[in-house]
N, C-alpha and C. Protein backbone atom coordinates (compact mmCIF):
# COMPACT_ATOMS: atom_id res chain seq x y z
N MET A 1 9.86 -0.80 18.81
CA MET A 1 10.06 0.30 18.55
C MET A 1 9.30 0.63 17.48
N LYS A 2 9.30 1.55 17.48
CA LYS A 2 7.69 2.19 16.45
C LYS A 2 7.72 2.10 15.07
N SER A 3 7.22 1.97 13.99
CA SER A 3 7.45 1.86 13.07
C SER A 3 7.33 2.95 11.89
N PHE A 4 7.84 2.33 10.77
CA PHE A 4 8.34 3.51 10.07
C PHE A 4 7.61 2.98 8.80
N THR A 5 7.16 4.31 8.09
CA THR A 5 6.91 4.32 6.53
C THR A 5 7.17 5.63 6.20
N TRP A 6 7.28 5.30 4.97
CA TRP A 6 7.47 6.39 3.92
C TRP A 6 6.15 7.57 3.55
N LYS A 7 6.29 8.24 3.23
CA LYS A 7 5.01 9.59 3.34
C LYS A 7 4.82 9.51 1.53
N ARG A 8 5.91 8.27 0.90
CA ARG A 8 4.99 7.56 -0.42
C ARG A 8 5.26 7.18 -1.41
N ASP A 9 4.91 5.66 -1.95
CA ASP A 9 4.68 4.77 -1.54
C ASP A 9 6.38 4.94 -2.46
N TYR A 10 7.51 4.10 -2.52
CA TYR A 10 8.82 4.17 -3.44
C TYR A 10 7.74 2.97 -4.58
N CYS A 11 7.71 2.04 -4.30
CA CYS A 11 8.07 0.39 -5.11
C CYS A 11 7.17 0.91 -6.23
N THR A 12 8.57 1.25 -7.00
CA THR A 12 8.25 0.12 -8.76
C THR A 12 7.52 -1.50 -8.87
N LYS A 13 8.06 -2.39 -7.86
CA LYS A 13 7.45 -3.75 -8.27
C LYS A 13 8.16 -4.17 -8.85
N CYS A 14 9.90 -3.75 -9.12
CA CYS A 14 11.15 -5.03 -9.76
C CYS A 14 11.43 -5.39 -9.51
N GLY A 15 11.17 -5.45 -7.85
CA GLY A 15 11.58 -6.85 -7.25
C GLY A 15 12.52 -7.14 -7.15
N LYS A 16 13.75 -5.83 -7.34
CA LYS A 16 15.04 -5.81 -7.62
C LYS A 16 15.95 -6.20 -5.75
N CYS A 17 14.94 -5.49 -4.74
CA CYS A 17 14.95 -5.39 -3.35
C CYS A 17 14.36 -6.66 -2.44
N CYS A 18 13.69 -7.84 -3.75
CA CYS A 18 12.94 -8.77 -2.94
C CYS A 18 13.83 -10.14 -3.28
N LEU A 19 15.49 -9.56 -4.00
CA LEU A 19 15.58 -10.93 -4.74
C LEU A 19 17.31 -11.18 -4.07
N GLU A 20 17.72 -12.35 -3.41
CA GLU A 20 18.48 -12.69 -3.35
C GLU A 20 18.45 -11.72 -1.89
N THR A 21 17.37 -11.12 -1.06
CA THR A 21 16.85 -10.37 -0.02
C THR A 21 18.15 -11.19 1.45
N GLU A 22 18.73 -9.78 2.34
CA GLU A 22 19.66 -11.31 3.44
C GLU A 22 18.84 -9.67 4.82
N MET A 23 17.53 -9.52 4.37
CA MET A 23 16.91 -8.50 5.41
C MET A 23 17.04 -9.23 6.69
N ILE A 24 17.47 -8.47 7.63
CA ILE A 24 17.55 -8.49 9.24
C ILE A 24 15.59 -8.72 9.47
N LEU A 25 15.88 -9.16 10.23
CA LEU A 25 14.32 -9.55 11.68
C LEU A 25 14.97 -9.33 12.25
N LEU A 26 13.92 -8.40 12.70
CA LEU A 26 13.49 -7.93 13.88
C LEU A 26 13.01 -8.96 15.09
N ARG A 27 13.21 -9.02 16.79
CA ARG A 27 12.18 -9.72 17.17
C ARG A 27 10.65 -8.78 17.02
N SER A 28 10.32 -7.77 16.85
CA SER A 28 9.46 -7.57 16.82
C SER A 28 8.50 -7.95 15.11
N ASP A 29 9.46 -7.58 14.01
CA ASP A 29 8.83 -7.94 12.94
C ASP A 29 8.44 -9.25 13.10
N ILE A 30 9.17 -10.57 13.47
CA ILE A 30 9.36 -12.27 13.93
C ILE A 30 7.45 -11.88 14.31
N GLU A 31 7.52 -11.45 15.44
CA GLU A 31 6.08 -11.48 16.10
C GLU A 31 5.31 -10.93 15.65
N ARG A 32 5.21 -10.06 14.28
CA ARG A 32 4.25 -9.47 13.36
C ARG A 32 3.54 -10.49 12.30
N ILE A 33 4.35 -11.38 12.13
CA ILE A 33 3.94 -12.11 10.83
C ILE A 33 3.94 -13.07 11.46
N LYS A 34 4.14 -13.33 12.17
CA LYS A 34 3.59 -14.93 12.86
C LYS A 34 2.20 -14.26 12.97
N SER A 35 1.86 -13.37 13.34
CA SER A 35 0.81 -13.30 14.24
C SER A 35 -0.26 -12.41 12.34
N LEU A 36 -0.01 -13.43 11.38
CA LEU A 36 -0.42 -12.88 10.58
C LEU A 36 -0.73 -14.97 9.83
N GLY A 37 -0.20 -15.50 11.22
CA GLY A 37 -0.50 -17.34 10.67
C GLY A 37 0.91 -17.92 10.09
N TYR A 38 1.46 -17.37 9.74
CA TYR A 38 3.06 -17.61 8.66
C TYR A 38 3.99 -18.41 10.73
N ASP A 39 4.42 -19.92 9.87
CA ASP A 39 5.57 -19.92 11.17
C ASP A 39 6.96 -19.92 11.02
N GLU A 40 6.59 -19.45 11.59
CA GLU A 40 8.76 -18.89 11.94
C GLU A 40 9.67 -19.72 11.52
N SER A 41 9.14 -20.79 10.96
CA SER A 41 10.32 -22.19 9.95
C SER A 41 9.99 -20.88 8.42
N PHE A 42 9.08 -20.75 8.67
CA PHE A 42 9.03 -20.41 6.51
C PHE A 42 9.21 -19.45 6.35
N PHE A 43 9.42 -18.48 7.61
CA PHE A 43 10.23 -17.27 6.90
C PHE A 43 11.34 -16.90 7.09
N VAL A 44 11.56 -17.90 7.75
CA VAL A 44 12.94 -17.16 8.99
C VAL A 44 14.31 -17.94 8.63
N ARG A 45 15.51 -17.66 8.86
CA ARG A 45 16.59 -18.69 8.71
C ARG A 45 17.43 -17.77 8.94
N GLU A 46 18.93 -18.38 9.95
CA GLU A 46 20.47 -18.20 10.69
C GLU A 46 20.88 -17.06 9.92
N MET A 47 21.47 -16.15 9.44
CA MET A 47 23.41 -15.81 9.19
C MET A 47 23.52 -15.19 9.67
N TYR A 48 24.79 -15.09 10.00
CA TYR A 48 25.46 -15.27 11.14
C TYR A 48 25.45 -14.55 12.32
N GLY A 49 24.50 -14.86 12.90
CA GLY A 49 24.09 -14.78 14.29
C GLY A 49 22.58 -14.34 13.63
N TYR A 50 22.44 -13.59 13.44
CA TYR A 50 21.24 -12.50 12.75
C TYR A 50 20.23 -13.93 12.77
N LYS A 51 18.97 -13.62 12.30
CA LYS A 51 17.71 -13.58 11.65
C LYS A 51 17.37 -13.06 10.96
N VAL A 52 16.97 -13.81 9.65
CA VAL A 52 16.95 -13.45 7.73
C VAL A 52 15.76 -13.78 7.38
N LEU A 53 14.91 -12.30 7.01
CA LEU A 53 13.93 -13.44 5.53
C LEU A 53 14.72 -14.02 4.48
N LYS A 54 14.21 -15.92 4.75
CA LYS A 54 14.14 -16.65 3.85
C LYS A 54 14.22 -16.69 2.11
N ASN A 55 14.64 -16.93 1.54
CA ASN A 55 14.31 -16.91 -0.32
C ASN A 55 14.33 -18.80 -0.64
N ILE A 56 13.56 -17.92 -1.48
CA ILE A 56 12.86 -19.44 -2.38
C ILE A 56 12.90 -18.69 -3.63
N ASN A 57 13.42 -19.72 -4.95
CA ASN A 57 13.98 -19.52 -5.88
C ASN A 57 14.32 -18.66 -6.05
N GLY A 58 15.04 -17.72 -5.28
CA GLY A 58 15.79 -17.05 -5.40
C GLY A 58 15.64 -15.74 -4.51
N TYR A 59 14.01 -15.58 -4.50
CA TYR A 59 13.45 -14.39 -4.05
C TYR A 59 12.93 -14.32 -2.26
N CYS A 60 12.53 -13.00 -1.57
CA CYS A 60 12.06 -13.49 -0.19
C CYS A 60 11.43 -14.53 -0.34
N VAL A 61 10.06 -15.39 0.83
CA VAL A 61 8.83 -15.39 0.68
C VAL A 61 7.80 -15.34 0.46
N PHE A 62 7.90 -14.11 0.72
CA PHE A 62 6.66 -13.19 0.44
C PHE A 62 6.78 -13.32 -0.59
N TYR A 63 7.97 -12.69 -1.76
CA TYR A 63 7.96 -11.55 -3.33
C TYR A 63 6.28 -13.06 -4.03
N ASN A 64 5.96 -12.44 -4.19
CA ASN A 64 5.27 -13.77 -5.94
C ASN A 64 5.33 -13.25 -7.05
N PRO A 65 6.32 -13.65 -7.36
CA PRO A 65 6.69 -13.33 -8.54
C PRO A 65 5.60 -12.92 -10.02
N SER A 66 4.74 -13.45 -10.02
CA SER A 66 4.14 -13.33 -10.93
C SER A 66 3.02 -12.10 -10.71
N THR A 67 2.79 -11.69 -9.56
CA THR A 67 1.73 -9.84 -9.12
C THR A 67 2.93 -9.33 -8.83
N LYS A 68 4.66 -8.97 -8.59
CA LYS A 68 5.68 -9.07 -8.75
C LYS A 68 5.34 -7.39 -7.25
N LYS A 69 4.24 -8.19 -6.43
CA LYS A 69 4.06 -8.05 -4.90
C LYS A 69 4.28 -8.24 -4.04
N CYS A 70 4.77 -7.71 -2.07
CA CYS A 70 4.66 -8.54 -1.48
C CYS A 70 3.48 -8.83 -0.60
N ARG A 71 3.39 -10.18 -0.41
CA ARG A 71 2.61 -10.90 0.37
C ARG A 71 2.11 -10.29 1.70
N ILE A 72 3.02 -9.65 2.41
CA ILE A 72 2.99 -9.02 3.38
C ILE A 72 3.23 -7.75 3.62
N TYR A 73 2.71 -7.26 2.25
CA TYR A 73 3.50 -5.63 2.34
C TYR A 73 3.41 -5.24 3.43
N GLN A 74 1.41 -4.82 4.15
CA GLN A 74 0.93 -3.90 5.77
C GLN A 74 1.95 -4.26 7.00
N ALA A 75 1.92 -5.44 6.37
CA ALA A 75 3.34 -5.98 8.32
C ALA A 75 4.88 -6.52 7.34
N ARG A 76 5.17 -6.32 6.06
CA ARG A 76 6.74 -6.67 6.27
C ARG A 76 7.69 -5.48 7.07
N PRO A 77 8.83 -6.59 7.05
CA PRO A 77 10.01 -6.09 7.70
C PRO A 77 9.89 -4.68 8.10
N LEU A 78 10.82 -3.81 8.98
CA LEU A 78 10.94 -2.68 9.40
C LEU A 78 12.15 -2.24 7.89
N GLY A 79 13.33 -2.68 8.13
CA GLY A 79 14.01 -3.40 7.05
C GLY A 79 13.33 -2.43 5.27
N CYS A 80 12.66 -3.33 5.07
CA CYS A 80 11.54 -3.51 4.03
C CYS A 80 10.66 -1.83 3.41
N ARG A 81 10.64 -1.89 4.92
CA ARG A 81 9.63 -0.13 4.81
C ARG A 81 10.59 1.01 4.38
N LEU A 82 11.89 0.77 5.07
CA LEU A 82 13.15 1.87 4.99
C LEU A 82 14.15 1.16 3.85
N TYR A 83 13.86 0.30 3.60
CA TYR A 83 14.52 0.38 1.82
C TYR A 83 13.72 1.74 0.73
N PRO A 84 14.44 2.15 0.44
CA PRO A 84 16.00 1.81 0.21
C PRO A 84 17.19 2.01 0.21
N ILE A 85 16.65 3.00 1.42
CA ILE A 85 17.98 3.40 2.57
C ILE A 85 18.26 2.10 3.48
N ILE A 86 19.65 2.29 3.67
CA ILE A 86 20.13 0.24 4.53
C ILE A 86 21.28 1.34 5.38
N TYR A 87 21.84 0.14 6.15
CA TYR A 87 23.09 0.33 6.05
C TYR A 87 24.10 -0.71 6.09
N ASP A 88 25.10 -0.44 5.30
CA ASP A 88 26.43 -1.08 4.59
C ASP A 88 27.41 -0.51 5.53
N GLU A 89 28.20 -1.83 6.22
CA GLU A 89 28.43 -2.05 7.62
C GLU A 89 30.26 -0.65 7.19
N LYS A 90 30.74 -0.78 5.55
CA LYS A 90 32.02 -0.08 5.23
C LYS A 90 30.91 1.83 5.16
N ARG A 91 30.53 1.75 4.70
CA ARG A 91 30.07 3.30 4.23
C ARG A 91 28.68 3.83 5.11
N GLY A 92 27.91 3.58 6.37
CA GLY A 92 27.38 3.35 6.37
C GLY A 92 26.17 3.71 6.30
N ILE A 93 24.93 4.43 7.00
CA ILE A 93 23.62 4.36 6.14
C ILE A 93 24.16 5.10 4.38
N ILE A 94 23.12 3.99 3.79
CA ILE A 94 22.83 4.86 2.34
C ILE A 94 21.78 4.74 1.53
N VAL A 95 21.58 5.43 0.63
CA VAL A 95 20.74 4.64 -0.71
C VAL A 95 21.36 3.55 -1.02
N ASP A 96 20.40 2.53 -1.64
CA ASP A 96 21.14 1.28 -2.24
C ASP A 96 20.65 1.81 -3.52
N SER A 97 21.46 2.05 -4.46
CA SER A 97 21.88 2.66 -5.75
C SER A 97 20.82 1.63 -6.70
N TYR A 98 21.21 0.52 -6.13
CA TYR A 98 19.99 -0.54 -6.66
C TYR A 98 18.91 -0.55 -7.13
N CYS A 99 18.67 0.31 -5.79
CA CYS A 99 16.98 0.82 -6.23
C CYS A 99 16.44 1.83 -7.17
N PRO A 100 15.88 1.49 -8.45
CA PRO A 100 15.72 2.02 -10.07
C PRO A 100 15.06 3.49 -8.99
N LEU A 101 14.89 3.56 -7.78
CA LEU A 101 14.24 4.84 -7.43
C LEU A 101 14.97 5.32 -6.25
N ALA A 102 16.08 4.72 -6.48
CA ALA A 102 17.48 6.02 -5.16
C ALA A 102 17.54 7.09 -5.07
N ASN A 103 17.64 7.42 -6.28
CA ASN A 103 17.77 8.95 -6.88
C ASN A 103 16.61 9.73 -6.40
N THR A 104 15.54 9.31 -6.07
CA THR A 104 15.05 9.93 -5.47
C THR A 104 14.26 10.56 -4.04
N VAL A 105 15.16 9.51 -3.18
CA VAL A 105 14.82 9.97 -1.63
C VAL A 105 15.75 11.23 -1.51
N THR A 106 15.26 12.05 -0.48
CA THR A 106 15.14 13.27 0.08
C THR A 106 16.10 13.17 1.05
N LYS A 107 17.05 14.10 1.45
CA LYS A 107 17.81 14.48 2.66
C LYS A 107 17.19 14.17 3.48
N ASP A 108 15.78 15.24 3.68
CA ASP A 108 15.45 14.64 5.05
C ASP A 108 14.78 13.12 4.78
N GLU A 109 14.58 12.86 3.63
CA GLU A 109 13.71 10.98 4.07
C GLU A 109 15.38 10.31 4.57
N LEU A 110 16.52 11.08 4.04
CA LEU A 110 17.89 10.07 5.15
C LEU A 110 18.11 10.20 5.97
N PHE A 111 17.51 11.18 6.31
CA PHE A 111 17.78 11.83 7.48
C PHE A 111 16.69 10.84 8.98
N ARG A 112 16.06 11.03 8.53
CA ARG A 112 14.15 10.13 9.30
C ARG A 112 14.59 9.43 9.38
N ALA A 113 15.15 8.03 8.08
CA ALA A 113 15.31 6.60 8.52
C ALA A 113 17.00 6.77 9.02
N SER A 114 17.59 7.28 8.42
CA SER A 114 19.16 6.92 9.55
C SER A 114 18.89 6.91 11.21
N ARG A 115 17.89 7.67 11.88
CA ARG A 115 17.92 7.84 12.84
C ARG A 115 16.96 6.46 13.33
N VAL A 116 15.67 6.23 12.36
CA VAL A 116 15.65 4.64 12.65
C VAL A 116 16.37 3.36 12.59
N ILE A 117 17.03 3.90 11.96
CA ILE A 117 18.60 2.69 11.45
C ILE A 117 19.98 2.58 12.87
N ASP A 118 19.67 3.69 13.42
CA ASP A 118 20.27 3.34 14.65
C ASP A 118 19.59 2.70 16.01
N LYS A 119 17.80 2.74 16.29
CA LYS A 119 17.73 2.31 16.86
C LYS A 119 17.59 0.72 16.63
N ILE A 120 17.47 0.36 14.97
CA ILE A 120 17.35 -1.06 14.76
C ILE A 120 18.75 -1.57 15.14
N ILE A 121 20.38 -0.98 15.41
CA ILE A 121 21.20 -1.13 14.91
C ILE A 121 21.40 -1.60 16.62
N ASN A 122 21.21 -0.59 17.45
CA ASN A 122 21.39 -0.72 18.71
C ASN A 122 20.17 -2.04 19.46
N GLU A 123 19.22 -2.47 19.39
CA GLU A 123 18.33 -3.25 19.12
C GLU A 123 19.15 -4.72 19.21
N LEU A 124 20.04 -4.35 17.88
CA LEU A 124 20.52 -5.74 17.66
C LEU A 124 21.80 -6.20 18.41
N LEU A 125 22.58 -5.08 18.52
CA LEU A 125 23.36 -5.14 19.13
C LEU A 125 23.21 -5.59 21.05
N LYS A 126 21.55 -5.36 21.06
CA LYS A 126 21.15 -5.73 22.62
C LYS A 126 21.22 -7.37 22.87
N SER A 127 20.79 -8.16 21.06
CA SER A 127 20.71 -9.05 21.45
C SER A 127 21.51 -10.23 21.68
């Protein structure tokens, strides 16, 4: 699946999105992170039949609380790249209001991300 990146950098480094994350990982995410030298058991846990990012001390294993940065930012999972746009089972594809920059997401960005999320959902359903 083609990688997704924003035209602008959304991150304010508040760490909210890395707190108690349940970010679903695609096979391509896992392989990309493993290629950096990380063992899958270090960063993957099972939840509801899906592979998701692990948390340590309440944060994603790759979040560094002292620098407020992601240790694998350039190789982060696709879902992290899309954030603050998420898929909510009840409401569909939405902008997560938990993010301090949620109100800055444009309709065009939401549309572009929704097309990627549709592909992610289809890939997960095939697994």
